[in-house]
Structures are given as structure tokens and as C-alpha cells.
Amino acid sequence: MKRYQSIITTRTEESPIPRYVTVKYPKISLDFSDIYVYTTRGDRYDLLARSYYNDSSLWWVISVSNYNISQDSMIPPLGVQIRIPSSDRIGIILSSFENLNR
């Protein structure tokens, strides 16, 4: 799947099977420019990211921003309010992500 394309993998001589390296996500602080929406049937983090950022691979930005919601699914609970960081902040968020995962 495309969303796993940018995740770094590692191999060793003992284990030639590629393994994903643990990814660290930055804390995304609150901002007045954040958007708040209530989830509806059919919402998924990747679809929301495509809608708000024109890039479904940024699904994790919305997921991490809503730390109070279980992170074990791409589908947020129905009818809950979620925070979507403003697209103006994506550059800063991605820079923080890259610094954490060097």
C-alpha cells in the first residue's frame, strides 16, 4: 500500500526479511487554525487527509492529532469530533516528523 512506501525498512545478515523500523510521530500542538469536524459514516483518516491536504499519505497527521481516540484503526469512531490541523502547518509538522525519524 502506498501509505507504507515512505516507512524505512531494515535487514540484517541474520534476518534478511525486511522489517519496518519503529516510526516516531511528533506531538502536534493545538492551534487556532485547526479545523474541527464530526465524523460521519465512511470517514477514514486517509480519505480525510486526501480531502484536507490533497495527500492521503498524511493520514497519520490527523490520527496523531487526536490522541484521545484509539490509534488501532484507520476508521475514526462515528459521530465524534476530531481535530484536523490546518494545511498551513503541514510543512512544520513534516519537518518535525523527519527530525524524529533520522
N, C-alpha and C. Protein backbone atom coordinates (compact mmCIF):
# COMPACT_ATOMS: atom_id res chain seq x y z
N MET A 1 0.84 -1.18 0.00
CA MET A 1 0.00 0.00 0.00
C MET A 1 0.88 1.24 0.00
N LYS A 2 0.43 2.26 -0.65
CA LYS A 2 1.23 3.47 -0.81
C LYS A 2 1.58 4.12 0.53
N ARG A 3 0.71 4.02 1.51
CA ARG A 3 0.97 4.71 2.78
C ARG A 3 2.18 4.14 3.51
N TYR A 4 2.62 2.93 3.17
CA TYR A 4 3.80 2.34 3.79
C TYR A 4 5.07 2.60 2.99
N GLN A 5 4.94 3.24 1.86
CA GLN A 5 6.04 3.44 0.94
C GLN A 5 7.19 4.23 1.56
N SER A 6 6.90 5.22 2.38
CA SER A 6 7.96 6.07 2.94
C SER A 6 8.51 5.55 4.27
N ILE A 7 7.98 4.44 4.75
CA ILE A 7 8.48 3.90 6.03
C ILE A 7 9.77 3.13 5.78
N ILE A 8 10.76 3.42 6.57
CA ILE A 8 12.08 2.82 6.43
C ILE A 8 12.04 1.36 6.87
N THR A 9 12.73 0.51 6.11
CA THR A 9 12.87 -0.88 6.49
C THR A 9 14.35 -1.18 6.73
N THR A 10 14.60 -2.25 7.45
CA THR A 10 15.96 -2.65 7.73
C THR A 10 16.10 -4.15 7.54
N ARG A 11 17.32 -4.60 7.21
CA ARG A 11 17.63 -6.02 7.05
C ARG A 11 18.98 -6.28 7.71
N THR A 12 19.15 -7.46 8.20
CA THR A 12 20.44 -7.86 8.75
C THR A 12 20.84 -9.19 8.11
N GLU A 13 22.09 -9.58 8.29
CA GLU A 13 22.54 -10.86 7.75
C GLU A 13 21.78 -12.01 8.41
N GLU A 14 21.50 -11.87 9.71
CA GLU A 14 20.79 -12.91 10.43
C GLU A 14 19.33 -12.99 10.02
N SER A 15 18.77 -11.85 9.64
CA SER A 15 17.36 -11.78 9.28
C SER A 15 17.21 -10.99 7.97
N PRO A 16 17.30 -11.68 6.82
CA PRO A 16 17.23 -10.97 5.54
C PRO A 16 15.83 -10.46 5.18
N ILE A 17 14.84 -10.83 5.96
CA ILE A 17 13.47 -10.36 5.71
C ILE A 17 13.39 -8.89 6.11
N PRO A 18 12.89 -8.02 5.24
CA PRO A 18 12.79 -6.60 5.61
C PRO A 18 11.83 -6.40 6.77
N ARG A 19 12.24 -5.58 7.71
CA ARG A 19 11.41 -5.27 8.88
C ARG A 19 11.26 -3.75 8.97
N TYR A 20 10.05 -3.34 9.35
CA TYR A 20 9.80 -1.91 9.49
C TYR A 20 10.48 -1.37 10.73
N VAL A 21 11.09 -0.23 10.57
CA VAL A 21 11.70 0.46 11.70
C VAL A 21 10.58 1.21 12.42
N THR A 22 10.64 1.24 13.74
CA THR A 22 9.62 1.94 14.50
C THR A 22 9.59 3.42 14.12
N VAL A 23 8.42 3.90 13.83
CA VAL A 23 8.24 5.29 13.42
C VAL A 23 7.85 6.11 14.64
N LYS A 24 8.45 7.29 14.76
CA LYS A 24 8.12 8.20 15.86
C LYS A 24 7.33 9.37 15.27
N TYR A 25 6.23 9.68 15.93
CA TYR A 25 5.39 10.78 15.46
C TYR A 25 5.53 11.98 16.38
N PRO A 26 5.57 13.18 15.81
CA PRO A 26 5.69 14.37 16.65
C PRO A 26 4.39 14.68 17.37
N LYS A 27 4.51 15.37 18.48
CA LYS A 27 3.32 15.87 19.16
C LYS A 27 2.84 17.07 18.35
N ILE A 28 1.57 17.08 18.02
CA ILE A 28 1.01 18.16 17.20
C ILE A 28 0.17 19.05 18.12
N SER A 29 0.71 20.21 18.38
CA SER A 29 0.07 21.12 19.33
C SER A 29 -1.21 21.73 18.76
N LEU A 30 -2.04 22.19 19.67
CA LEU A 30 -3.27 22.87 19.28
C LEU A 30 -2.94 24.21 18.64
N ASP A 31 -3.79 24.65 17.72
CA ASP A 31 -3.60 25.94 17.06
C ASP A 31 -4.97 26.50 16.71
N PHE A 32 -5.05 27.81 16.69
CA PHE A 32 -6.34 28.44 16.36
C PHE A 32 -6.79 28.15 14.93
N SER A 33 -5.85 27.77 14.07
CA SER A 33 -6.20 27.50 12.68
C SER A 33 -6.71 26.06 12.46
N ASP A 34 -6.66 25.22 13.50
CA ASP A 34 -7.14 23.85 13.38
C ASP A 34 -8.62 23.82 13.03
N ILE A 35 -9.00 22.78 12.32
CA ILE A 35 -10.39 22.59 11.92
C ILE A 35 -10.96 21.44 12.75
N TYR A 36 -12.20 21.58 13.19
CA TYR A 36 -12.87 20.54 13.96
C TYR A 36 -14.08 20.07 13.17
N VAL A 37 -14.19 18.75 13.01
CA VAL A 37 -15.33 18.17 12.29
C VAL A 37 -15.87 16.99 13.08
N TYR A 38 -17.12 16.67 12.85
CA TYR A 38 -17.71 15.45 13.41
C TYR A 38 -17.64 14.38 12.34
N THR A 39 -17.23 13.19 12.75
CA THR A 39 -17.09 12.10 11.79
C THR A 39 -18.45 11.59 11.36
N THR A 40 -18.49 11.14 10.12
CA THR A 40 -19.71 10.56 9.56
C THR A 40 -19.38 9.20 8.97
N ARG A 41 -20.39 8.47 8.61
CA ARG A 41 -20.21 7.14 8.02
C ARG A 41 -19.32 7.27 6.78
N GLY A 42 -18.34 6.40 6.69
CA GLY A 42 -17.44 6.39 5.53
C GLY A 42 -16.16 7.16 5.74
N ASP A 43 -16.05 7.90 6.84
CA ASP A 43 -14.81 8.64 7.10
C ASP A 43 -13.68 7.68 7.44
N ARG A 44 -12.51 7.95 6.88
CA ARG A 44 -11.27 7.25 7.22
C ARG A 44 -10.19 8.31 7.26
N TYR A 45 -9.16 8.06 8.04
CA TYR A 45 -8.09 9.05 8.16
C TYR A 45 -7.43 9.35 6.82
N ASP A 46 -7.22 8.35 5.99
CA ASP A 46 -6.58 8.60 4.70
C ASP A 46 -7.48 9.41 3.76
N LEU A 47 -8.79 9.16 3.81
CA LEU A 47 -9.71 9.93 2.98
C LEU A 47 -9.83 11.37 3.46
N LEU A 48 -9.81 11.56 4.77
CA LEU A 48 -9.84 12.92 5.32
C LEU A 48 -8.56 13.67 4.93
N ALA A 49 -7.42 12.98 4.99
CA ALA A 49 -6.15 13.62 4.61
C ALA A 49 -6.16 14.01 3.14
N ARG A 50 -6.72 13.15 2.30
CA ARG A 50 -6.80 13.50 0.88
C ARG A 50 -7.70 14.71 0.68
N SER A 51 -8.79 14.76 1.43
CA SER A 51 -9.73 15.86 1.30
C SER A 51 -9.14 17.19 1.80
N TYR A 52 -8.43 17.17 2.92
CA TYR A 52 -7.92 18.41 3.52
C TYR A 52 -6.51 18.78 3.08
N TYR A 53 -5.69 17.78 2.70
CA TYR A 53 -4.29 18.05 2.34
C TYR A 53 -3.94 17.63 0.92
N ASN A 54 -4.87 17.05 0.18
CA ASN A 54 -4.61 16.50 -1.15
C ASN A 54 -3.52 15.44 -1.14
N ASP A 55 -3.40 14.72 -0.02
CA ASP A 55 -2.37 13.69 0.11
C ASP A 55 -2.81 12.68 1.16
N SER A 56 -3.26 11.52 0.71
CA SER A 56 -3.77 10.51 1.64
C SER A 56 -2.68 9.92 2.52
N SER A 57 -1.41 10.05 2.13
CA SER A 57 -0.33 9.51 2.96
C SER A 57 -0.12 10.31 4.24
N LEU A 58 -0.77 11.44 4.36
CA LEU A 58 -0.68 12.25 5.58
C LEU A 58 -1.78 11.89 6.59
N TRP A 59 -2.34 10.69 6.45
CA TRP A 59 -3.38 10.21 7.37
C TRP A 59 -2.93 10.29 8.81
N TRP A 60 -1.65 10.03 9.05
CA TRP A 60 -1.13 9.98 10.42
C TRP A 60 -1.20 11.35 11.10
N VAL A 61 -1.18 12.44 10.34
CA VAL A 61 -1.26 13.78 10.94
C VAL A 61 -2.59 13.92 11.68
N ILE A 62 -3.66 13.50 11.05
CA ILE A 62 -4.98 13.60 11.67
C ILE A 62 -5.09 12.59 12.81
N SER A 63 -4.61 11.39 12.60
CA SER A 63 -4.68 10.37 13.64
C SER A 63 -3.91 10.79 14.90
N VAL A 64 -2.68 11.23 14.73
CA VAL A 64 -1.84 11.63 15.87
C VAL A 64 -2.41 12.86 16.57
N SER A 65 -3.05 13.74 15.82
CA SER A 65 -3.64 14.94 16.41
C SER A 65 -4.78 14.62 17.36
N ASN A 66 -5.35 13.45 17.19
CA ASN A 66 -6.49 13.03 18.01
C ASN A 66 -6.07 11.88 18.91
N TYR A 67 -5.11 12.15 19.78
CA TYR A 67 -4.52 11.14 20.67
C TYR A 67 -5.55 10.53 21.61
N ASN A 68 -6.66 11.22 21.84
CA ASN A 68 -7.70 10.71 22.74
C ASN A 68 -8.56 9.62 22.09
N ILE A 69 -8.37 9.41 20.78
CA ILE A 69 -9.11 8.38 20.06
C ILE A 69 -8.16 7.21 19.82
N SER A 70 -8.66 6.00 19.94
CA SER A 70 -7.85 4.80 19.74
C SER A 70 -7.10 4.87 18.40
N GLN A 71 -5.82 4.52 18.43
CA GLN A 71 -4.97 4.59 17.25
C GLN A 71 -4.87 3.25 16.52
N ASP A 72 -5.76 2.32 16.81
CA ASP A 72 -5.64 0.98 16.24
C ASP A 72 -6.46 0.77 14.96
N SER A 73 -6.98 1.84 14.37
CA SER A 73 -7.80 1.69 13.18
C SER A 73 -7.67 2.93 12.30
N MET A 74 -7.85 2.74 11.01
CA MET A 74 -7.87 3.86 10.06
C MET A 74 -9.24 4.54 10.04
N ILE A 75 -10.19 3.96 10.78
CA ILE A 75 -11.55 4.47 10.79
C ILE A 75 -11.84 5.10 12.15
N PRO A 76 -12.04 6.42 12.19
CA PRO A 76 -12.38 7.03 13.48
C PRO A 76 -13.80 6.64 13.89
N PRO A 77 -14.08 6.66 15.19
CA PRO A 77 -15.44 6.33 15.64
C PRO A 77 -16.47 7.28 15.01
N LEU A 78 -17.63 6.77 14.77
CA LEU A 78 -18.71 7.53 14.16
C LEU A 78 -19.26 8.58 15.13
N GLY A 79 -19.42 9.81 14.65
CA GLY A 79 -20.07 10.86 15.43
C GLY A 79 -19.21 11.56 16.46
N VAL A 80 -17.90 11.36 16.43
CA VAL A 80 -17.03 12.06 17.39
C VAL A 80 -16.39 13.26 16.70
N GLN A 81 -16.06 14.25 17.51
CA GLN A 81 -15.40 15.44 16.98
C GLN A 81 -13.90 15.16 16.89
N ILE A 82 -13.33 15.41 15.73
CA ILE A 82 -11.88 15.24 15.57
C ILE A 82 -11.26 16.56 15.11
N ARG A 83 -9.98 16.68 15.43
CA ARG A 83 -9.22 17.88 15.08
C ARG A 83 -8.40 17.58 13.83
N ILE A 84 -8.44 18.50 12.89
CA ILE A 84 -7.64 18.40 11.68
C ILE A 84 -6.73 19.62 11.63
N PRO A 85 -5.42 19.42 11.80
CA PRO A 85 -4.51 20.57 11.74
C PRO A 85 -4.61 21.28 10.39
N SER A 86 -4.49 22.57 10.43
CA SER A 86 -4.57 23.38 9.22
C SER A 86 -3.50 22.96 8.21
N SER A 87 -3.84 23.01 6.94
CA SER A 87 -2.88 22.66 5.90
C SER A 87 -1.68 23.62 5.89
N ASP A 88 -1.86 24.81 6.45
CA ASP A 88 -0.74 25.76 6.54
C ASP A 88 0.36 25.25 7.46
N ARG A 89 0.05 24.32 8.34
CA ARG A 89 1.02 23.81 9.32
C ARG A 89 1.71 22.52 8.87
N ILE A 90 1.32 21.97 7.74
CA ILE A 90 1.85 20.68 7.30
C ILE A 90 3.37 20.70 7.15
N GLY A 91 3.93 21.76 6.61
CA GLY A 91 5.38 21.85 6.44
C GLY A 91 6.12 21.72 7.76
N ILE A 92 5.64 22.38 8.78
CA ILE A 92 6.27 22.33 10.11
C ILE A 92 6.11 20.93 10.71
N ILE A 93 4.93 20.35 10.56
CA ILE A 93 4.67 19.01 11.10
C ILE A 93 5.57 17.98 10.42
N LEU A 94 5.69 18.05 9.09
CA LEU A 94 6.55 17.11 8.37
C LEU A 94 8.02 17.29 8.73
N SER A 95 8.44 18.51 8.96
CA SER A 95 9.81 18.76 9.37
C SER A 95 10.09 18.12 10.74
N SER A 96 9.15 18.25 11.67
CA SER A 96 9.29 17.62 12.98
C SER A 96 9.35 16.10 12.85
N PHE A 97 8.51 15.55 11.97
CA PHE A 97 8.49 14.11 11.73
C PHE A 97 9.84 13.63 11.20
N GLU A 98 10.38 14.34 10.23
CA GLU A 98 11.68 13.96 9.65
C GLU A 98 12.80 14.05 10.66
N ASN A 99 12.78 15.07 11.50
CA ASN A 99 13.82 15.20 12.55
C ASN A 99 13.77 14.05 13.54
N LEU A 100 12.58 13.60 13.89
CA LEU A 100 12.43 12.49 14.84
C LEU A 100 12.85 11.15 14.26
N ASN A 101 12.76 11.01 12.96
CA ASN A 101 12.98 9.71 12.33
C ASN A 101 14.25 9.64 11.49
N ARG A 102 15.24 10.40 11.85
CA ARG A 102 16.55 10.34 11.15
C ARG A 102 17.34 9.18 11.59
